[in-house]
Amino acid sequence: MSATNDHPEHATGGTYSVKGKAFTRDTNYITTRITADGRDGFPVTPGRYRLIAARACPWANRSIIVRRLLGLEDAISLGLPGPTHDARSWTFDLDPGGRDPVLGIERLQEAYFKRDPEYPRGITVPAIVDTTTGAVVTNDFAQITLDLSTEWREFHREGAPDLLPEAHREEIDEVNRRVFTEVNNGVYRCGFAGSQEAYDEAYDRLWTALDWLEERLSTRRYLVGDTITEADVRLFTTLVRFDPVYHGHFKCNRNKLVEMPNLWGYARDLFQTPGFGDTIDFAQIKQHYYVVHKDINPNQVVPKGPDLSGWTTPHGREALGGRPFGDGTPPGPVRESERVRA
């Protein structure tokens, strides 16, 4: 998600196209990569980089989950902006003095300007910052998690799962493409539709995909294969926000998640798996969407509901088999400094 001077209220990294007022996501990111061989000038080096990832943002939430599943806490530190931002930037208002304790900055924008003083695009999370220079290395959210799984393998914890198993990589990529265009981005197309025609089209596309997923998950515990993969991480961060935000705020209201038995059971299964639910802050999620999106919610009233107690109820998905971490093991307890507060 981004803060952008063009559309500060959207905080989505997207813009409107003129024709039909349909939401189109800006996909131009800083594509520099941190790799084992350092071919882009940024070699994998434990302790050098800091992941800046707001808990409120689904795209950033992915990177927090993958970092935790793989046990990269010692290798890559984590900075957490607050859930709301202004037109300029995400800010570190949760930290003492309103500054990130490692980078010493008040706004993530400062790290982008260290990279490019004329940086013209939205200030997005997640972003990985080089602590030796204070400059952003990359904000390419899709590639960040792939590289954490592959390029950082030397520093994975013992028992880390393989989120990109080679035997299923082609299917993972195929599922990810559909989930991104139709679900992850589909809810935004509904929420920011600028005309009835654009909304109707976006709504129908979203529910076609959700019906496909509901059917797919009727006979399998996970999206691809019998273990948790990158595909599950990418879908989960949208599902966990569905009833609190997307159902009402984005008008994705044919059904609630809790009314779709397979998707609801699947989402609870992941939520109760170490590395998923323990990264979720529902209060921050609601504050972000309902406060920042003033064009949709001009009074910035944050709803009290929905009731979230169901997330910890039994899901029964074990009956479908599957091994969450494959031949690996669950991550250990969340570090005190990164614990989500009740």
C-alpha atoms as a PDB file:
ATOM      1  CA  MET A   1       0.000   0.000   0.000  1.00  0.00           C
ATOM      2  CA  SER A   2       1.149   3.511  -0.665  1.00  0.00           C
ATOM      3  CA  ALA A   3       0.782   7.092   0.313  1.00  0.00           C
ATOM      4  CA  THR A   4       0.762   9.184  -2.826  1.00  0.00           C
ATOM      5  CA  ASN A   5       0.250  12.831  -3.556  1.00  0.00           C
ATOM      6  CA  ASP A   6      -1.884  11.983  -6.582  1.00  0.00           C
ATOM      7  CA  HIS A   7      -4.398   9.925  -4.656  1.00  0.00           C
ATOM      8  CA  PRO A   8      -3.506  10.198  -0.965  1.00  0.00           C
ATOM      9  CA  GLU A   9      -6.870   8.954   0.180  1.00  0.00           C
ATOM     10  CA  HIS A  10      -6.537   5.643  -1.627  1.00  0.00           C
ATOM     11  CA  ALA A  11      -3.320   4.381  -0.040  1.00  0.00           C
ATOM     12  CA  THR A  12      -3.386   1.507  -2.469  1.00  0.00           C
ATOM     13  CA  GLY A  13      -0.642   2.136  -4.977  1.00  0.00           C
ATOM     14  CA  GLY A  14      -3.347   2.459  -7.592  1.00  0.00           C
ATOM     15  CA  THR A  15      -4.804   5.111  -9.853  1.00  0.00           C
ATOM     16  CA  TYR A  16      -8.020   5.548 -11.763  1.00  0.00           C
ATOM     17  CA  SER A  17      -8.158   5.025 -15.470  1.00  0.00           C
ATOM     18  CA  VAL A  18     -10.340   7.583 -17.262  1.00  0.00           C
ATOM     19  CA  LYS A  19     -12.411   5.119 -19.232  1.00  0.00           C
ATOM     20  CA  GLY A  20     -15.162   3.690 -17.057  1.00  0.00           C
ATOM     21  CA  LYS A  21     -13.452   4.999 -13.909  1.00  0.00           C
ATOM     22  CA  ALA A  22     -12.057   1.541 -13.176  1.00  0.00           C
ATOM     23  CA  PHE A  23      -9.349   1.078 -10.562  1.00  0.00           C
ATOM     24  CA  THR A  24      -5.962   0.181 -12.026  1.00  0.00           C
ATOM     25  CA  ARG A  25      -3.072  -0.697  -9.738  1.00  0.00           C
ATOM     26  CA  ASP A  26       0.258   1.008 -10.326  1.00  0.00           C
ATOM     27  CA  THR A  27       2.710  -1.876 -10.708  1.00  0.00           C
ATOM     28  CA  ASN A  28       5.880   0.151 -11.202  1.00  0.00           C
ATOM     29  CA  TYR A  29       8.131  -0.694  -8.272  1.00  0.00           C
ATOM     30  CA  ILE A  30      11.819  -0.423  -7.403  1.00  0.00           C
ATOM     31  CA  THR A  31      12.858  -3.809  -8.732  1.00  0.00           C
ATOM     32  CA  THR A  32      16.399  -3.951  -7.344  1.00  0.00           C
ATOM     33  CA  ARG A  33      16.892  -7.342  -5.717  1.00  0.00           C
ATOM     34  CA  ILE A  34      18.857  -8.545  -2.707  1.00  0.00           C
ATOM     35  CA  THR A  35      20.444 -11.784  -3.884  1.00  0.00           C
ATOM     36  CA  ALA A  36      22.938 -14.370  -2.719  1.00  0.00           C
ATOM     37  CA  ASP A  37      25.354 -13.373  -5.496  1.00  0.00           C
ATOM     38  CA  GLY A  38      24.753  -9.627  -5.059  1.00  0.00           C
ATOM     39  CA  ARG A  39      24.288  -9.120  -8.804  1.00  0.00           C
ATOM     40  CA  ASP A  40      22.274  -5.906  -8.274  1.00  0.00           C
ATOM     41  CA  GLY A  41      24.840  -4.564  -5.843  1.00  0.00           C
ATOM     42  CA  PHE A  42      23.009  -5.747  -2.726  1.00  0.00           C
ATOM     43  CA  PRO A  43      24.264  -9.123  -1.500  1.00  0.00           C
ATOM     44  CA  VAL A  44      22.384 -11.111   1.115  1.00  0.00           C
ATOM     45  CA  THR A  45      23.998  -9.986   4.376  1.00  0.00           C
ATOM     46  CA  PRO A  46      22.449 -10.694   7.771  1.00  0.00           C
ATOM     47  CA  GLY A  47      21.930  -7.552   9.821  1.00  0.00           C
ATOM     48  CA  ARG A  48      22.331  -5.143   6.915  1.00  0.00           C
ATOM     49  CA  TYR A  49      18.709  -4.726   5.848  1.00  0.00           C
ATOM     50  CA  ARG A  50      15.517  -3.606   7.573  1.00  0.00           C
ATOM     51  CA  LEU A  51      12.058  -4.650   6.437  1.00  0.00           C
ATOM     52  CA  ILE A  52       9.531  -1.828   6.832  1.00  0.00           C
ATOM     53  CA  ALA A  53       6.073  -3.368   6.838  1.00  0.00           C
ATOM     54  CA  ALA A  54       2.876  -1.945   8.312  1.00  0.00           C
ATOM     55  CA  ARG A  55       0.652  -4.581   9.911  1.00  0.00           C
ATOM     56  CA  ALA A  56      -2.396  -2.880   8.428  1.00  0.00           C
ATOM     57  CA  CYS A  57      -1.367  -3.502   4.828  1.00  0.00           C
ATOM     58  CA  PRO A  58      -2.094  -6.895   3.207  1.00  0.00           C
ATOM     59  CA  TRP A  59       0.865  -6.637   0.827  1.00  0.00           C
ATOM     60  CA  ALA A  60       3.225  -5.875   3.722  1.00  0.00           C
ATOM     61  CA  ASN A  61       1.588  -8.499   5.932  1.00  0.00           C
ATOM     62  CA  ARG A  62       2.766 -11.158   3.464  1.00  0.00           C
ATOM     63  CA  SER A  63       6.399 -10.264   4.057  1.00  0.00           C
ATOM     64  CA  ILE A  64       5.948 -10.310   7.842  1.00  0.00           C
ATOM     65  CA  ILE A  65       4.427 -13.798   7.654  1.00  0.00           C
ATOM     66  CA  VAL A  66       7.124 -15.208   5.346  1.00  0.00           C
ATOM     67  CA  ARG A  67       9.940 -13.692   7.425  1.00  0.00           C
ATOM     68  CA  ARG A  68       8.493 -15.340  10.530  1.00  0.00           C
ATOM     69  CA  LEU A  69       7.786 -18.731   8.904  1.00  0.00           C
ATOM     70  CA  LEU A  70      11.364 -18.894   7.606  1.00  0.00           C
ATOM     71  CA  GLY A  71      12.918 -17.689  10.871  1.00  0.00           C
ATOM     72  CA  LEU A  72      14.685 -14.667   9.401  1.00  0.00           C
ATOM     73  CA  GLU A  73      14.202 -12.434  12.456  1.00  0.00           C
ATOM     74  CA  ASP A  74      17.920 -12.364  13.248  1.00  0.00           C
ATOM     75  CA  ALA A  75      18.891 -11.779   9.627  1.00  0.00           C
ATOM     76  CA  ILE A  76      16.441  -8.982   8.752  1.00  0.00           C
ATOM     77  CA  SER A  77      15.110  -6.547  11.347  1.00  0.00           C
ATOM     78  CA  LEU A  78      11.511  -5.323  11.252  1.00  0.00           C
ATOM     79  CA  GLY A  79      10.244  -1.743  11.383  1.00  0.00           C
ATOM     80  CA  LEU A  80       6.529  -1.166  11.911  1.00  0.00           C
ATOM     81  CA  PRO A  81       4.869   2.077  10.784  1.00  0.00           C
ATOM     82  CA  GLY A  82       1.543   2.955  12.333  1.00  0.00           C
ATOM     83  CA  PRO A  83      -1.762   2.041  10.667  1.00  0.00           C
ATOM     84  CA  THR A  84      -2.566   5.486   9.242  1.00  0.00           C
ATOM     85  CA  HIS A  85      -0.642   7.962   7.149  1.00  0.00           C
ATOM     86  CA  ASP A  86      -1.056  11.292   5.417  1.00  0.00           C
ATOM     87  CA  ALA A  87      -0.584  12.211   1.773  1.00  0.00           C
ATOM     88  CA  ARG A  88       3.199  12.207   2.100  1.00  0.00           C
ATOM     89  CA  SER A  89       4.134   8.972   3.745  1.00  0.00           C
ATOM     90  CA  TRP A  90       3.754   6.174   6.227  1.00  0.00           C
ATOM     91  CA  THR A  91       5.063   7.375   9.604  1.00  0.00           C
ATOM     92  CA  PHE A  92       6.670   5.715  12.623  1.00  0.00           C
ATOM     93  CA  ASP A  93       4.198   7.067  15.133  1.00  0.00           C
ATOM     94  CA  LEU A  94       4.180   3.817  17.141  1.00  0.00           C
ATOM     95  CA  ASP A  95       7.859   4.185  18.052  1.00  0.00           C
ATOM     96  CA  PRO A  96       9.194   6.329  20.918  1.00  0.00           C
ATOM     97  CA  GLY A  97       9.619   9.878  19.692  1.00  0.00           C
ATOM     98  CA  GLY A  98       7.911   8.981  16.429  1.00  0.00           C
ATOM     99  CA  ARG A  99      11.141   7.727  14.860  1.00  0.00           C
ATOM    100  CA  ASP A 100      12.175   4.316  13.660  1.00  0.00           C
ATOM    101  CA  PRO A 101      14.732   3.179  16.257  1.00  0.00           C
ATOM    102  CA  VAL A 102      17.176   1.786  13.677  1.00  0.00           C
ATOM    103  CA  LEU A 103      16.856   4.194  10.761  1.00  0.00           C
ATOM    104  CA  GLY A 104      16.201   7.270  12.891  1.00  0.00           C
ATOM    105  CA  ILE A 105      13.562   8.598  10.480  1.00  0.00           C
ATOM    106  CA  GLU A 106      10.030   9.872  11.099  1.00  0.00           C
ATOM    107  CA  ARG A 107       8.704   9.080   7.631  1.00  0.00           C
ATOM    108  CA  LEU A 108       9.380   6.199   5.285  1.00  0.00           C
ATOM    109  CA  GLN A 109       9.487   8.857   2.578  1.00  0.00           C
ATOM    110  CA  GLU A 110      12.942   9.854   3.869  1.00  0.00           C
ATOM    111  CA  ALA A 111      14.350   6.430   2.921  1.00  0.00           C
ATOM    112  CA  TYR A 112      12.812   6.689  -0.551  1.00  0.00           C
ATOM    113  CA  PHE A 113      14.357  10.135  -1.041  1.00  0.00           C
ATOM    114  CA  LYS A 114      17.711   8.732   0.072  1.00  0.00           C
ATOM    115  CA  ARG A 115      17.402   6.369  -2.875  1.00  0.00           C
ATOM    116  CA  ASP A 116      16.108   9.039  -5.265  1.00  0.00           C
ATOM    117  CA  PRO A 117      15.645  12.685  -4.171  1.00  0.00           C
ATOM    118  CA  GLU A 118      13.132  13.046  -7.009  1.00  0.00           C
ATOM    119  CA  TYR A 119      11.273   9.803  -6.299  1.00  0.00           C
ATOM    120  CA  PRO A 120       7.953  10.356  -8.102  1.00  0.00           C
ATOM    121  CA  ARG A 121       5.751   7.442  -7.040  1.00  0.00           C
ATOM    122  CA  GLY A 122       3.798   6.325  -3.996  1.00  0.00           C
ATOM    123  CA  ILE A 123       5.628   5.618  -0.737  1.00  0.00           C
ATOM    124  CA  THR A 124       4.742   1.942  -0.392  1.00  0.00           C
ATOM    125  CA  VAL A 125       5.126  -0.836   2.131  1.00  0.00           C
ATOM    126  CA  PRO A 126       6.689  -3.310   2.306  1.00  0.00           C
ATOM    127  CA  ALA A 127      10.056  -1.757   1.610  1.00  0.00           C
ATOM    128  CA  ILE A 128      13.504  -3.098   2.428  1.00  0.00           C
ATOM    129  CA  VAL A 129      15.990  -0.430   3.495  1.00  0.00           C
ATOM    130  CA  ASP A 130      19.791  -0.691   3.503  1.00  0.00           C
ATOM    131  CA  THR A 131      20.745   0.354   7.039  1.00  0.00           C
ATOM    132  CA  THR A 132      24.267   1.300   5.917  1.00  0.00           C
ATOM    133  CA  THR A 133      22.911   4.082   3.701  1.00  0.00           C
ATOM    134  CA  GLY A 134      19.346   4.587   4.918  1.00  0.00           C
ATOM    135  CA  ALA A 135      18.062   4.182   1.357  1.00  0.00           C
ATOM    136  CA  VAL A 136      15.307   1.901   0.078  1.00  0.00           C
ATOM    137  CA  VAL A 137      16.643  -1.085  -1.856  1.00  0.00           C
ATOM    138  CA  THR A 138      13.322  -2.468  -3.095  1.00  0.00           C
ATOM    139  CA  ASN A 139       9.583  -2.140  -2.641  1.00  0.00           C
ATOM    140  CA  ASP A 140       8.680  -4.897  -5.114  1.00  0.00           C
ATOM    141  CA  PHE A 141       6.291  -6.678  -2.736  1.00  0.00           C
ATOM    142  CA  ALA A 142       5.721  -9.736  -4.914  1.00  0.00           C
ATOM    143  CA  GLN A 143       9.434 -10.385  -5.424  1.00  0.00           C
ATOM    144  CA  ILE A 144      10.400  -9.661  -1.808  1.00  0.00           C
ATOM    145  CA  THR A 145       8.733 -12.781  -0.418  1.00  0.00           C
ATOM    146  CA  LEU A 146      10.013 -14.961  -3.262  1.00  0.00           C
ATOM    147  CA  ASP A 147      13.559 -13.811  -2.550  1.00  0.00           C
ATOM    148  CA  LEU A 148      13.178 -14.383   1.190  1.00  0.00           C
ATOM    149  CA  SER A 149      12.393 -18.013   0.334  1.00  0.00           C
ATOM    150  CA  THR A 150      15.169 -18.529  -2.209  1.00  0.00           C
ATOM    151  CA  GLU A 151      18.013 -16.027  -1.913  1.00  0.00           C
ATOM    152  CA  TRP A 152      18.079 -16.015   1.904  1.00  0.00           C
ATOM    153  CA  ARG A 153      17.988 -19.798   2.261  1.00  0.00           C
ATOM    154  CA  GLU A 154      21.379 -19.945   4.007  1.00  0.00           C
ATOM    155  CA  PHE A 155      19.895 -18.023   6.927  1.00  0.00           C
ATOM    156  CA  HIS A 156      16.577 -19.840   7.266  1.00  0.00           C
ATOM    157  CA  ARG A 157      15.878 -21.394  10.667  1.00  0.00           C
ATOM    158  CA  GLU A 158      16.297 -25.112  11.117  1.00  0.00           C
ATOM    159  CA  GLY A 159      12.987 -26.685  10.123  1.00  0.00           C
ATOM    160  CA  ALA A 160      11.899 -23.771   7.930  1.00  0.00           C
ATOM    161  CA  PRO A 161       9.200 -24.835   5.446  1.00  0.00           C
ATOM    162  CA  ASP A 162       9.709 -24.797   1.701  1.00  0.00           C
ATOM    163  CA  LEU A 163       7.141 -22.244   0.570  1.00  0.00           C
ATOM    164  CA  LEU A 164       8.112 -22.663  -3.094  1.00  0.00           C
ATOM    165  CA  PRO A 165       8.499 -26.421  -3.618  1.00  0.00           C
ATOM    166  CA  GLU A 166       9.935 -26.979  -7.072  1.00  0.00           C
ATOM    167  CA  ALA A 167       7.555 -29.839  -7.818  1.00  0.00           C
ATOM    168  CA  HIS A 168       4.614 -27.450  -7.487  1.00  0.00           C
ATOM    169  CA  ARG A 169       6.180 -24.181  -8.609  1.00  0.00           C
ATOM    170  CA  GLU A 170       4.340 -23.934 -11.913  1.00  0.00           C
ATOM    171  CA  GLU A 171       0.963 -24.502 -10.235  1.00  0.00           C
ATOM    172  CA  ILE A 172       1.818 -22.061  -7.425  1.00  0.00           C
ATOM    173  CA  ASP A 173       2.616 -19.369  -9.989  1.00  0.00           C
ATOM    174  CA  GLU A 174      -0.596 -20.081 -11.879  1.00  0.00           C
ATOM    175  CA  VAL A 175      -2.756 -19.912  -8.750  1.00  0.00           C
ATOM    176  CA  ASN A 176      -0.964 -16.783  -7.561  1.00  0.00           C
ATOM    177  CA  ARG A 177      -1.682 -14.996 -10.827  1.00  0.00           C
ATOM    178  CA  ARG A 178      -5.405 -15.621 -10.563  1.00  0.00           C
ATOM    179  CA  VAL A 179      -5.567 -14.861  -6.843  1.00  0.00           C
ATOM    180  CA  PHE A 180      -3.714 -11.570  -7.365  1.00  0.00           C
ATOM    181  CA  THR A 181      -5.756 -10.256 -10.273  1.00  0.00           C
ATOM    182  CA  GLU A 182      -9.158 -11.484  -9.139  1.00  0.00           C
ATOM    183  CA  VAL A 183      -9.013 -11.512  -5.311  1.00  0.00           C
ATOM    184  CA  ASN A 184      -6.077  -9.582  -3.798  1.00  0.00           C
ATOM    185  CA  ASN A 185      -6.607  -6.778  -6.293  1.00  0.00           C
ATOM    186  CA  GLY A 186     -10.249  -7.614  -6.966  1.00  0.00           C
ATOM    187  CA  VAL A 187     -11.455  -6.259  -3.631  1.00  0.00           C
ATOM    188  CA  TYR A 188      -9.754  -2.938  -4.427  1.00  0.00           C
ATOM    189  CA  ARG A 189     -11.380  -2.821  -7.847  1.00  0.00           C
ATOM    190  CA  CYS A 190     -14.732  -3.046  -6.067  1.00  0.00           C
ATOM    191  CA  GLY A 191     -13.859  -0.536  -3.371  1.00  0.00           C
ATOM    192  CA  PHE A 192     -12.460   2.130  -5.670  1.00  0.00           C
ATOM    193  CA  ALA A 193     -14.758   1.664  -8.649  1.00  0.00           C
ATOM    194  CA  GLY A 194     -15.638   5.103  -9.986  1.00  0.00           C
ATOM    195  CA  SER A 195     -18.850   4.103 -11.745  1.00  0.00           C
ATOM    196  CA  GLN A 196     -21.663   1.611 -11.347  1.00  0.00           C
ATOM    197  CA  GLU A 197     -20.518  -0.221 -14.468  1.00  0.00           C
ATOM    198  CA  ALA A 198     -16.955  -0.579 -13.174  1.00  0.00           C
ATOM    199  CA  TYR A 199     -18.200  -1.748  -9.778  1.00  0.00           C
ATOM    200  CA  ASP A 200     -20.594  -4.328 -11.221  1.00  0.00           C
ATOM    201  CA  GLU A 201     -17.856  -5.801 -13.390  1.00  0.00           C
ATOM    202  CA  ALA A 202     -15.369  -5.885 -10.513  1.00  0.00           C
ATOM    203  CA  TYR A 203     -17.936  -7.448  -8.164  1.00  0.00           C
ATOM    204  CA  ASP A 204     -18.782 -10.227 -10.595  1.00  0.00           C
ATOM    205  CA  ARG A 205     -15.107 -11.000 -11.239  1.00  0.00           C
ATOM    206  CA  LEU A 206     -14.347 -11.147  -7.520  1.00  0.00           C
ATOM    207  CA  TRP A 207     -17.160 -13.533  -6.688  1.00  0.00           C
ATOM    208  CA  THR A 208     -16.408 -15.771  -9.653  1.00  0.00           C
ATOM    209  CA  ALA A 209     -12.922 -16.203  -8.206  1.00  0.00           C
ATOM    210  CA  LEU A 210     -14.103 -16.678  -4.628  1.00  0.00           C
ATOM    211  CA  ASP A 211     -16.575 -19.334  -5.771  1.00  0.00           C
ATOM    212  CA  TRP A 212     -13.708 -21.069  -7.588  1.00  0.00           C
ATOM    213  CA  LEU A 213     -11.628 -21.012  -4.392  1.00  0.00           C
ATOM    214  CA  GLU A 214     -14.535 -22.248  -2.288  1.00  0.00           C
ATOM    215  CA  GLU A 215     -14.855 -25.238  -4.594  1.00  0.00           C
ATOM    216  CA  ARG A 216     -11.101 -25.828  -4.828  1.00  0.00           C
ATOM    217  CA  LEU A 217     -10.768 -25.907  -1.041  1.00  0.00           C
ATOM    218  CA  SER A 218     -13.602 -28.396  -0.606  1.00  0.00           C
ATOM    219  CA  THR A 219     -11.267 -31.343  -1.235  1.00  0.00           C
ATOM    220  CA  ARG A 220      -7.822 -30.013  -0.282  1.00  0.00           C
ATOM    221  CA  ARG A 221      -6.481 -28.412   2.859  1.00  0.00           C
ATOM    222  CA  TYR A 222      -4.139 -25.984   1.097  1.00  0.00           C
ATOM    223  CA  LEU A 223      -4.204 -24.270  -2.273  1.00  0.00           C
ATOM    224  CA  VAL A 224      -1.374 -26.247  -3.873  1.00  0.00           C
ATOM    225  CA  GLY A 225      -0.037 -29.619  -2.754  1.00  0.00           C
ATOM    226  CA  ASP A 226      -0.416 -30.817   0.837  1.00  0.00           C
ATOM    227  CA  THR A 227       1.674 -28.162   2.608  1.00  0.00           C
ATOM    228  CA  ILE A 228       1.548 -24.414   3.173  1.00  0.00           C
ATOM    229  CA  THR A 229       3.063 -22.518   0.246  1.00  0.00           C
ATOM    230  CA  GLU A 230       3.493 -18.942  -0.928  1.00  0.00           C
ATOM    231  CA  ALA A 231       0.035 -19.243  -2.500  1.00  0.00           C
ATOM    232  CA  ASP A 232      -1.597 -19.671   0.915  1.00  0.00           C
ATOM    233  CA  VAL A 233       0.255 -16.676   2.323  1.00  0.00           C
ATOM    234  CA  ARG A 234      -0.964 -14.474  -0.526  1.00  0.00           C
ATOM    235  CA  LEU A 235      -4.607 -15.485  -0.216  1.00  0.00           C
ATOM    236  CA  PHE A 236      -4.691 -15.409   3.579  1.00  0.00           C
ATOM    237  CA  THR A 237      -3.897 -11.705   3.916  1.00  0.00           C
ATOM    238  CA  THR A 238      -6.978 -10.829   1.850  1.00  0.00           C
ATOM    239  CA  LEU A 239      -9.275 -13.329   3.563  1.00  0.00           C
ATOM    240  CA  VAL A 240      -8.345 -12.159   7.056  1.00  0.00           C
ATOM    241  CA  ARG A 241      -9.384  -8.612   6.092  1.00  0.00           C
ATOM    242  CA  PHE A 242     -12.553  -9.616   4.298  1.00  0.00           C
ATOM    243  CA  ASP A 243     -15.241  -9.357   6.962  1.00  0.00           C
ATOM    244  CA  PRO A 244     -13.629  -6.523   8.980  1.00  0.00           C
ATOM    245  CA  VAL A 245     -13.043  -4.316   5.920  1.00  0.00           C
ATOM    246  CA  TYR A 246     -13.758  -5.529   2.406  1.00  0.00           C
ATOM    247  CA  HIS A 247     -17.311  -6.792   2.926  1.00  0.00           C
ATOM    248  CA  GLY A 248     -18.650  -3.398   4.001  1.00  0.00           C
ATOM    249  CA  HIS A 249     -16.040  -0.742   3.293  1.00  0.00           C
ATOM    250  CA  PHE A 250     -15.282  -2.040  -0.219  1.00  0.00           C
ATOM    251  CA  LYS A 251     -18.865  -3.223  -0.950  1.00  0.00           C
ATOM    252  CA  CYS A 252     -17.765  -6.855  -1.513  1.00  0.00           C
ATOM    253  CA  ASN A 253     -20.987  -7.877   0.150  1.00  0.00           C
ATOM    254  CA  ARG A 254     -22.566 -10.863  -1.575  1.00  0.00           C
ATOM    255  CA  ASN A 255     -21.444 -13.034   1.327  1.00  0.00           C
ATOM    256  CA  LYS A 256     -19.347 -12.681   4.432  1.00  0.00           C
ATOM    257  CA  LEU A 257     -16.334 -14.956   4.722  1.00  0.00           C
ATOM    258  CA  VAL A 258     -18.015 -16.719   7.649  1.00  0.00           C
ATOM    259  CA  GLU A 259     -20.830 -17.716   5.252  1.00  0.00           C
ATOM    260  CA  MET A 260     -18.479 -19.617   2.921  1.00  0.00           C
ATOM    261  CA  PRO A 261     -17.734 -22.868   4.778  1.00  0.00           C
ATOM    262  CA  ASN A 262     -14.563 -23.964   2.990  1.00  0.00           C
ATOM    263  CA  LEU A 263     -12.921 -20.551   2.760  1.00  0.00           C
ATOM    264  CA  TRP A 264     -13.867 -19.769   6.367  1.00  0.00           C
ATOM    265  CA  GLY A 265     -12.488 -23.079   7.604  1.00  0.00           C
ATOM    266  CA  TYR A 266      -9.337 -22.633   5.515  1.00  0.00           C
ATOM    267  CA  ALA A 267      -8.784 -19.103   6.790  1.00  0.00           C
ATOM    268  CA  ARG A 268      -9.224 -20.204  10.425  1.00  0.00           C
ATOM    269  CA  ASP A 269      -6.851 -23.120   9.867  1.00  0.00           C
ATOM    270  CA  LEU A 270      -4.135 -20.733   8.703  1.00  0.00           C
ATOM    271  CA  PHE A 271      -4.961 -18.133  11.356  1.00  0.00           C
ATOM    272  CA  GLN A 272      -4.388 -20.750  14.051  1.00  0.00           C
ATOM    273  CA  THR A 273      -1.093 -21.854  12.468  1.00  0.00           C
ATOM    274  CA  PRO A 274       1.991 -20.203  14.038  1.00  0.00           C
ATOM    275  CA  GLY A 275       3.239 -17.449  11.737  1.00  0.00           C
ATOM    276  CA  PHE A 276      -0.164 -16.367  10.436  1.00  0.00           C
ATOM    277  CA  GLY A 277      -2.665 -15.232  13.063  1.00  0.00           C
ATOM    278  CA  ASP A 278       0.073 -14.027  15.376  1.00  0.00           C
ATOM    279  CA  THR A 279       0.964 -11.347  12.791  1.00  0.00           C
ATOM    280  CA  ILE A 280      -2.589  -9.980  12.550  1.00  0.00           C
ATOM    281  CA  ASP A 281      -3.693  -6.775  14.277  1.00  0.00           C
ATOM    282  CA  PHE A 282      -7.391  -6.317  13.528  1.00  0.00           C
ATOM    283  CA  ALA A 283      -7.506  -2.924  15.256  1.00  0.00           C
ATOM    284  CA  GLN A 284      -4.760  -1.541  13.023  1.00  0.00           C
ATOM    285  CA  ILE A 285      -6.370  -3.071   9.931  1.00  0.00           C
ATOM    286  CA  LYS A 286      -9.687  -1.338  10.579  1.00  0.00           C
ATOM    287  CA  GLN A 287      -8.049   1.952  11.563  1.00  0.00           C
ATOM    288  CA  HIS A 288      -6.096   2.023   8.328  1.00  0.00           C
ATOM    289  CA  TYR A 289      -8.905   1.446   5.881  1.00  0.00           C
ATOM    290  CA  TYR A 290     -11.628   3.430   7.597  1.00  0.00           C
ATOM    291  CA  VAL A 291      -9.433   6.416   8.525  1.00  0.00           C
ATOM    292  CA  VAL A 292      -7.187   6.745   5.470  1.00  0.00           C
ATOM    293  CA  HIS A 293      -9.817   6.188   2.766  1.00  0.00           C
ATOM    294  CA  LYS A 294     -11.634   9.464   3.327  1.00  0.00           C
ATOM    295  CA  ASP A 295     -13.198   9.436  -0.136  1.00  0.00           C
ATOM    296  CA  ILE A 296     -15.038   6.234   0.809  1.00  0.00           C
ATOM    297  CA  ASN A 297     -15.528   7.006   4.519  1.00  0.00           C
ATOM    298  CA  PRO A 298     -15.417  10.811   4.858  1.00  0.00           C
ATOM    299  CA  ASN A 299     -16.311  10.841   8.555  1.00  0.00           C
ATOM    300  CA  GLN A 300     -13.497   8.373   9.336  1.00  0.00           C
ATOM    301  CA  VAL A 301     -15.714   6.441  11.744  1.00  0.00           C
ATOM    302  CA  VAL A 302     -14.179   3.047  12.554  1.00  0.00           C
ATOM    303  CA  PRO A 303     -16.828   0.352  13.118  1.00  0.00           C
ATOM    304  CA  LYS A 304     -16.813  -1.669  16.323  1.00  0.00           C
ATOM    305  CA  GLY A 305     -17.722  -4.904  14.560  1.00  0.00           C
ATOM    306  CA  PRO A 306     -17.655  -7.526  13.364  1.00  0.00           C
ATOM    307  CA  ASP A 307     -17.346 -10.124  16.129  1.00  0.00           C
ATOM    308  CA  LEU A 308     -13.891 -11.679  15.609  1.00  0.00           C
ATOM    309  CA  SER A 309     -14.090 -14.410  18.247  1.00  0.00           C
ATOM    310  CA  GLY A 310     -14.799 -17.050  15.605  1.00  0.00           C
ATOM    311  CA  TRP A 311     -11.220 -16.995  14.346  1.00  0.00           C
ATOM    312  CA  THR A 312     -10.115 -19.246  17.198  1.00  0.00           C
ATOM    313  CA  THR A 313     -12.927 -21.802  16.918  1.00  0.00           C
ATOM    314  CA  PRO A 314     -12.229 -25.373  15.674  1.00  0.00           C
ATOM    315  CA  HIS A 315     -11.992 -25.568  11.880  1.00  0.00           C
ATOM    316  CA  GLY A 316     -11.940 -29.333  11.243  1.00  0.00           C
ATOM    317  CA  ARG A 317      -9.627 -29.001   8.240  1.00  0.00           C
ATOM    318  CA  GLU A 318      -7.290 -31.687   9.600  1.00  0.00           C
ATOM    319  CA  ALA A 319      -9.729 -34.216   8.147  1.00  0.00           C
ATOM    320  CA  LEU A 320      -8.462 -33.288   4.672  1.00  0.00           C
ATOM    321  CA  GLY A 321      -4.946 -34.424   5.585  1.00  0.00           C
ATOM    322  CA  GLY A 322      -1.976 -32.311   4.684  1.00  0.00           C
ATOM    323  CA  ARG A 323       1.148 -31.376   6.628  1.00  0.00           C
ATOM    324  CA  PRO A 324       1.305 -27.646   7.327  1.00  0.00           C
ATOM    325  CA  PHE A 325       5.110 -27.400   7.387  1.00  0.00           C
ATOM    326  CA  GLY A 326       5.927 -30.466   5.298  1.00  0.00           C
ATOM    327  CA  ASP A 327       9.125 -32.011   6.625  1.00  0.00           C
ATOM    328  CA  GLY A 328       9.784 -28.847   8.648  1.00  0.00           C
ATOM    329  CA  THR A 329       8.510 -27.522  11.944  1.00  0.00           C
ATOM    330  CA  PRO A 330       6.413 -24.565  13.150  1.00  0.00           C
ATOM    331  CA  PRO A 331       8.208 -21.337  14.044  1.00  0.00           C
ATOM    332  CA  GLY A 332       8.839 -20.703  17.725  1.00  0.00           C
ATOM    333  CA  PRO A 333       7.082 -18.131  19.881  1.00  0.00           C
ATOM    334  CA  VAL A 334       6.788 -14.574  18.614  1.00  0.00           C
ATOM    335  CA  ARG A 335       9.521 -12.321  19.905  1.00  0.00           C
ATOM    336  CA  GLU A 336       8.311  -9.984  22.619  1.00  0.00           C
ATOM    337  CA  SER A 337       9.313  -6.917  20.593  1.00  0.00           C
ATOM    338  CA  GLU A 338       7.159  -8.082  17.666  1.00  0.00           C
ATOM    339  CA  ARG A 339       4.137  -9.365  19.569  1.00  0.00           C
ATOM    340  CA  VAL A 340       0.719  -8.076  18.517  1.00  0.00           C
ATOM    341  CA  ARG A 341      -0.881  -6.409  21.530  1.00  0.00           C
ATOM    342  CA  ALA A 342      -4.445  -7.295  22.398  1.00  0.00           C
END
